[in-house]
Protein backbone atom coordinates (compact mmCIF):
# COMPACT_ATOMS: atom_id res chain seq x y z
CA MET A 1 -64.11 4.34 60.19
CA ARG A 2 -62.75 0.84 58.92
CA ARG A 3 -59.51 -0.20 59.26
CA GLN A 4 -57.25 -1.60 56.44
CA GLU A 5 -57.24 -5.24 57.60
CA ASP A 6 -61.24 -5.22 57.49
CA PHE A 7 -61.04 -4.96 53.43
CA PRO A 8 -60.87 -8.11 51.69
CA GLY A 9 -57.34 -9.18 50.11
CA SER A 10 -55.50 -7.00 52.55
CA SER A 11 -54.13 -9.64 55.00
CA GLY A 12 -50.71 -10.03 55.70
CA SER A 13 -50.43 -13.45 53.56
CA ALA A 14 -51.92 -11.94 50.70
CA ARG A 15 -49.35 -9.21 50.69
CA LEU A 16 -46.53 -11.54 51.22
CA ALA A 17 -47.85 -13.71 48.43
CA GLY A 18 -48.02 -10.90 46.12
CA ARG A 19 -44.49 -9.78 46.87
CA TYR A 20 -43.16 -13.37 46.24
CA LEU A 21 -44.89 -13.36 42.82
CA LEU A 22 -43.39 -10.08 41.71
CA ILE A 23 -40.07 -11.29 42.80
CA GLY A 24 -40.45 -14.55 40.99
CA ILE A 25 -41.50 -12.99 37.91
CA ALA A 26 -38.67 -10.56 38.05
CA VAL A 27 -36.04 -13.21 38.52
CA LEU A 28 -37.62 -15.36 35.74
CA TYR A 29 -37.35 -12.82 33.50
CA MET A 30 -33.76 -11.98 34.34
CA ALA A 31 -32.88 -15.64 34.02
CA LEU A 32 -34.64 -16.03 30.64
CA PHE A 33 -33.43 -12.49 29.23
CA LEU A 34 -30.10 -11.84 30.90
CA LEU A 35 -28.57 -14.83 32.55
CA LEU A 36 -29.65 -17.51 30.12
CA PRO A 37 -28.02 -15.61 26.87
CA LEU A 38 -24.92 -15.10 29.02
CA VAL A 39 -24.34 -18.51 30.01
CA THR A 40 -25.01 -19.61 26.74
CA VAL A 41 -22.18 -17.45 24.92
CA PHE A 42 -19.50 -19.25 27.64
CA VAL A 43 -20.99 -22.63 26.91
CA GLN A 44 -20.72 -22.48 23.14
CA ALA A 45 -17.41 -20.87 23.49
CA PHE A 46 -15.78 -23.69 25.47
CA ALA A 47 -18.18 -26.33 23.51
CA LYS A 48 -14.87 -27.83 21.93
CA GLY A 49 -12.54 -27.22 24.82
CA VAL A 50 -9.96 -24.78 25.96
CA GLY A 51 -7.60 -25.25 23.15
CA PRO A 52 -9.96 -24.31 20.31
CA TYR A 53 -11.35 -21.20 22.30
CA LEU A 54 -7.77 -20.13 22.76
CA ALA A 55 -6.84 -20.80 18.83
CA ALA A 56 -9.84 -18.82 17.86
CA LEU A 57 -8.96 -15.64 20.16
CA ALA A 58 -5.13 -15.83 18.81
CA ASP A 59 -6.15 -16.03 15.16
CA ALA A 60 -4.88 -13.16 13.19
CA ASP A 61 -8.12 -11.67 12.11
CA ALA A 62 -9.41 -11.75 15.62
CA LEU A 63 -6.36 -10.09 16.89
CA ALA A 64 -6.57 -7.32 14.17
CA ALA A 65 -10.40 -6.82 15.41
CA MET A 66 -9.11 -6.45 18.93
CA ARG A 67 -6.81 -3.93 18.19
CA LEU A 68 -9.05 -2.00 15.80
CA THR A 69 -11.97 -1.94 18.84
CA LEU A 70 -9.46 -0.67 21.20
CA THR A 71 -7.95 1.86 18.77
CA VAL A 72 -11.63 3.27 17.76
CA ALA A 73 -12.46 3.47 21.50
CA ALA A 74 -9.10 5.26 22.43
CA ILE A 75 -9.87 7.88 20.04
CA SER A 76 -13.73 8.28 20.51
CA VAL A 77 -13.63 8.15 24.28
CA PRO A 78 -11.25 10.93 24.76
CA LEU A 79 -13.03 12.94 22.18
CA ASN A 80 -16.32 12.65 23.86
CA THR A 81 -14.93 13.36 27.29
CA VAL A 82 -13.55 16.61 25.99
CA PHE A 83 -16.98 17.61 23.80
CA GLY A 84 -19.11 16.08 26.66
CA THR A 85 -17.50 18.10 29.38
CA ALA A 86 -17.51 21.31 27.35
CA ALA A 87 -21.20 20.90 26.66
CA ALA A 88 -22.00 20.30 30.06
CA TRP A 89 -19.89 23.27 31.28
CA ALA A 90 -21.60 25.44 28.76
CA ILE A 91 -25.12 24.37 29.52
CA SER A 92 -24.74 24.25 33.35
CA LYS A 93 -22.66 27.36 34.00
CA TYR A 94 -24.04 29.79 31.46
CA GLU A 95 -27.29 31.20 29.91
CA PHE A 96 -27.30 31.91 26.29
CA ARG A 97 -29.53 31.74 23.14
CA GLY A 98 -29.91 28.06 21.60
CA LYS A 99 -29.28 26.22 24.88
CA GLY A 100 -32.39 24.09 24.57
CA LEU A 101 -31.30 23.25 20.94
CA LEU A 102 -28.07 22.16 22.14
CA LEU A 103 -29.56 20.00 24.66
CA THR A 104 -31.48 18.56 21.84
CA LEU A 105 -28.78 17.88 19.80
CA ILE A 106 -26.98 16.25 22.64
CA ASP A 107 -29.83 13.54 22.94
CA LEU A 108 -30.03 13.27 19.09
CA PRO A 109 -27.96 10.05 19.26
CA PHE A 110 -30.42 8.49 21.55
CA ALA A 111 -33.17 8.99 19.25
CA VAL A 112 -31.47 8.08 15.71
CA SER A 113 -31.10 4.44 14.82
CA PRO A 114 -27.35 3.71 14.63
CA VAL A 115 -27.83 2.33 11.08
CA ILE A 116 -29.43 5.65 10.14
CA ALA A 117 -26.61 7.40 11.60
CA GLY A 118 -24.12 5.29 9.58
CA LEU A 119 -25.75 5.87 6.28
CA ILE A 120 -25.88 9.57 7.13
CA PHE A 121 -21.86 9.37 7.40
CA VAL A 122 -21.66 7.47 3.99
CA LEU A 123 -24.01 10.21 2.46
CA VAL A 124 -21.65 13.19 3.54
CA PHE A 125 -18.15 11.57 3.39
CA GLY A 126 -18.72 8.64 0.88
CA ALA A 127 -17.42 8.25 -2.60
CA ARG A 128 -20.68 9.92 -3.89
CA GLY A 129 -21.39 11.84 -0.85
CA TRP A 130 -21.46 15.73 -0.41
CA LEU A 131 -17.73 15.67 0.37
CA GLY A 132 -16.69 12.68 -1.49
CA ASP A 133 -15.23 14.16 -4.79
CA TRP A 134 -13.16 16.78 -2.39
CA LEU A 135 -11.95 13.93 -0.48
CA GLY A 136 -10.94 11.85 -3.23
CA ASP A 137 -9.29 14.52 -5.00
CA HIS A 138 -7.03 15.01 -2.07
CA GLY A 139 -6.39 11.51 -1.10
CA TYR A 140 -8.51 11.34 2.13
CA ARG A 141 -10.53 8.10 2.83
CA ILE A 142 -13.20 8.46 5.70
CA ILE A 143 -15.86 5.71 4.62
CA PHE A 144 -14.64 2.02 4.75
CA ALA A 145 -11.93 3.25 6.84
CA VAL A 146 -10.75 3.79 10.42
CA PRO A 147 -11.68 7.56 10.28
CA GLY A 148 -15.53 6.84 9.31
CA MET A 149 -15.34 4.17 12.27
CA VAL A 150 -14.15 6.67 14.60
CA LEU A 151 -16.75 9.15 13.32
CA ALA A 152 -19.76 6.92 13.82
CA THR A 153 -18.60 5.56 17.16
CA THR A 154 -18.20 9.02 18.33
CA PHE A 155 -21.61 10.39 17.29
CA ILE A 156 -23.29 7.19 18.91
CA THR A 157 -21.56 7.53 22.24
CA PHE A 158 -21.70 11.40 22.56
CA PRO A 159 -24.58 11.85 25.09
CA PHE A 160 -23.25 9.61 27.86
CA ILE A 161 -20.74 11.65 29.32
CA ALA A 162 -22.50 14.93 28.57
CA ARG A 163 -25.83 13.47 29.94
CA GLU A 164 -23.69 12.32 33.12
CA LEU A 165 -22.21 15.82 33.86
CA ILE A 166 -25.06 18.17 32.99
CA PRO A 167 -27.24 17.57 35.94
CA LEU A 168 -24.25 16.99 38.22
CA MET A 169 -22.92 20.48 37.35
CA GLN A 170 -26.48 21.90 37.40
CA ALA A 171 -27.23 20.86 40.94
CA GLN A 172 -23.87 21.97 42.32
CA GLY A 173 -24.55 25.49 41.22
CA ARG A 174 -22.09 28.34 40.64
CA ASP A 175 -21.23 29.39 44.15
CA ASP A 176 -17.71 27.66 44.03
CA GLU A 177 -16.86 29.08 40.82
CA GLU A 178 -18.04 32.59 41.33
CA ALA A 179 -16.00 32.41 44.75
CA ALA A 180 -12.94 31.64 42.87
CA LEU A 181 -13.71 34.25 40.12
CA SER A 182 -13.70 36.69 42.74
CA MET A 183 -10.40 35.55 44.25
CA GLY A 184 -8.77 36.37 40.72
CA ALA A 185 -8.65 32.84 39.23
CA GLY A 186 -9.06 32.32 35.52
CA GLY A 187 -11.39 30.22 33.60
CA TRP A 188 -9.15 27.24 33.04
CA ARG A 189 -7.78 27.29 36.61
CA ILE A 190 -11.43 27.42 38.07
CA PHE A 191 -12.21 24.51 35.96
CA ARG A 192 -9.16 22.58 37.08
CA VAL A 193 -8.97 23.30 40.72
CA VAL A 194 -12.91 23.75 41.60
CA THR A 195 -15.34 22.31 38.91
CA LEU A 196 -13.42 19.14 37.83
CA PRO A 197 -12.63 17.93 41.38
CA ASN A 198 -16.58 18.07 42.01
CA VAL A 199 -17.59 16.14 38.94
CA ARG A 200 -14.69 13.71 38.58
CA TRP A 201 -16.73 10.67 39.73
CA GLY A 202 -19.39 11.46 37.37
CA MET A 203 -17.21 11.92 34.47
CA LEU A 204 -15.39 8.39 35.55
CA TYR A 205 -19.24 7.05 35.47
CA GLY A 206 -19.68 8.59 32.27
CA ILE A 207 -16.47 7.37 30.53
CA LEU A 208 -17.21 3.87 31.90
CA LEU A 209 -20.55 3.98 29.96
CA CYS A 210 -19.13 5.63 26.92
CA ASN A 211 -16.08 3.07 26.73
CA ALA A 212 -18.52 0.11 26.97
CA ARG A 213 -20.79 1.14 24.27
CA ALA A 214 -17.89 2.21 22.09
CA MET A 215 -16.51 -1.31 22.17
CA GLY A 216 -19.74 -3.06 21.51
CA GLU A 217 -21.32 -0.61 18.84
CA PHE A 218 -22.53 -2.60 15.72
CA GLY A 219 -24.83 -0.98 13.98
CA ALA A 220 -23.07 2.57 12.81
CA VAL A 221 -19.91 1.05 12.61
CA SER A 222 -21.26 -1.87 10.27
CA VAL A 223 -22.68 0.48 7.70
CA VAL A 224 -19.22 2.55 7.41
CA SER A 225 -16.51 -0.05 8.10
CA GLY A 226 -17.20 -2.21 4.45
CA HIS A 227 -16.46 -5.22 6.55
CA ILE A 228 -12.90 -5.75 5.31
CA ARG A 229 -11.50 -8.61 7.07
CA GLY A 230 -8.33 -7.99 9.13
CA GLU A 231 -8.68 -4.22 8.47
CA THR A 232 -12.31 -2.55 9.32
CA ASN A 233 -13.65 -5.25 11.32
CA THR A 234 -14.16 -4.64 15.02
CA LEU A 235 -15.11 -7.46 17.62
CA PRO A 236 -19.03 -7.06 17.09
CA LEU A 237 -18.34 -7.13 13.37
CA HIS A 238 -15.88 -10.23 13.32
CA VAL A 239 -18.76 -12.04 15.66
CA GLU A 240 -21.04 -11.70 12.67
CA ILE A 241 -18.66 -12.79 10.01
CA LEU A 242 -17.66 -16.03 12.15
CA TYR A 243 -21.17 -16.81 12.92
CA ASN A 244 -22.36 -16.34 9.17
CA GLU A 245 -19.57 -18.86 8.26
CA TYR A 246 -20.79 -21.25 11.01
CA ASN A 247 -17.61 -21.05 12.73
CA PHE A 248 -19.64 -20.88 16.20
CA VAL A 249 -16.72 -21.67 18.44
CA GLY A 250 -14.79 -18.63 16.99
CA ALA A 251 -17.81 -16.46 17.04
CA PHE A 252 -18.86 -17.52 20.68
CA ALA A 253 -15.26 -17.25 21.70
CA THR A 254 -14.82 -13.57 20.58
CA ALA A 255 -18.48 -12.86 21.52
CA SER A 256 -17.37 -14.00 25.33
CA LEU A 257 -14.61 -11.17 25.23
CA LEU A 258 -17.49 -8.67 24.66
CA ALA A 259 -19.41 -10.47 27.43
CA MET A 260 -16.51 -9.96 29.61
CA LEU A 261 -16.16 -6.50 29.16
CA ALA A 262 -19.81 -6.08 29.89
CA LEU A 263 -19.39 -7.87 33.14
CA VAL A 264 -16.26 -5.82 34.20
CA THR A 265 -18.18 -2.60 33.56
CA LEU A 266 -21.10 -3.73 35.55
CA GLY A 267 -18.69 -4.49 38.19
CA LEU A 268 -17.13 -1.24 37.82
CA LYS A 269 -20.48 0.51 37.90
CA ALA A 270 -21.47 -1.19 40.86
CA LEU A 271 -18.49 -0.37 42.70
CA LEU A 272 -18.73 3.43 41.82
CA GLU A 273 -22.43 3.47 42.76
CA ARG A 274 -21.58 2.00 46.21
CA ARG A 275 -18.71 4.36 47.01
CA HIS A 276 -21.04 7.26 45.46
CA PRO A 277 -24.72 6.62 45.90
CA GLU A 278 -25.72 9.76 44.44
CA LEU A 279 -24.51 8.19 41.07
CA ARG A 280 -27.17 5.48 41.22
CA ALA A 281 -29.78 7.40 42.81
CA GLY A 282 -29.40 10.15 40.15
CA ARG A 283 -29.62 12.86 42.84
CA ARG A 284 -26.75 14.88 42.27
CA GLY A 285 -27.52 17.56 44.76
CA LYS A 286 -25.15 19.87 46.59
CA GLY A 287 -24.55 17.19 49.50
CA ALA A 288 -22.05 15.65 47.05
CA ALA A 289 -18.45 15.89 47.79
CA ARG A 290 -17.38 19.26 47.03
CA ALA A 291 -13.75 20.50 46.60
CA PRO A 292 -12.57 23.27 48.57
CA VAL A 293 -12.03 26.58 46.51
CA ALA A 294 -8.27 26.89 46.85
CA VAL A 295 -7.16 29.05 44.03
C-alpha cells in the first residue's frame, strides 16, 4: 500500500505553499473589496480637514436625515422584534396547517428586491394605488412620508430576528415549557420566565443585525420616500443627494457615519459570538444556556 508522501505534489512544502496561496488570495480579496472602500470613505471625508467634516455633519439637512434614520429604526426594529419573536414561537413550539407557508413568507424579503418591495407599497398605498383614494379621503399620507418609510424598512428587515430565533427555539425543544405548563404556569409567564431567558442572546444578535440593516436600507426607502430634502431623506438617501451635487466631502462625511455604524455593529457582533460561540457556529443545541424552570 502506497503512503501519502509517495504521491507527487503531496509534500509538506507543496501543502504549505498551497495554504499560503489561499491565505494570500483571501487577504487580497478583503483588502480590495472591503478594506480599501472603507479607508477611501474616511480619507475622502477628511480630505479638506476636520472643520469641513464637522460642518457637513452639523448641516441642517444632515441632522434631519440622522433624526429620521433613528426614528425609522426605532419604530421598525421593535415591531420586527415583536413579530419575529411571535413567529418564531409559533413555528418552533406548535404544529399547524400552513406552517411551511409562514416560513416561506418570512423569507420573502430575502428573495424580493428592495426596489420591488418599495414599488409594491407604492401600488398599494400610493395616490393611485389600491388604497390611495380611501387614504386621501381620510387625510392619511403613507407614501412620500414617514409611515411609508417605516413600512418599507419593516418589510425588508423582518426576517433577521425571526430567522435568528427559529432554529434556537427549535433546538431547545419544548421540555422546559411543558414542565412549566404542568406546574400551572400560563402562556405569558412561560414565555417570560422560561423561553425568553433561553433565547435572549439570540434575540439581541438578531436585533443588532436588524438595526444595522434598518439604518442602512436604501432601495425600498428610496422608492417610497419621495426624496424630500430635510423631511423624508434618511442618511443613505442624503449621501446620494450630496454625491449627485458633487459635494463629495459632505457625502463621504455622512457615509462615514454609516461606516462607523457598520464597524460598531461588527464589534458588538464579534463580542456576542465570542461570549456565545453557538451564535457564530450556528449550532443552537440544547447545550446552550438554559434558564431554570421557576414559575
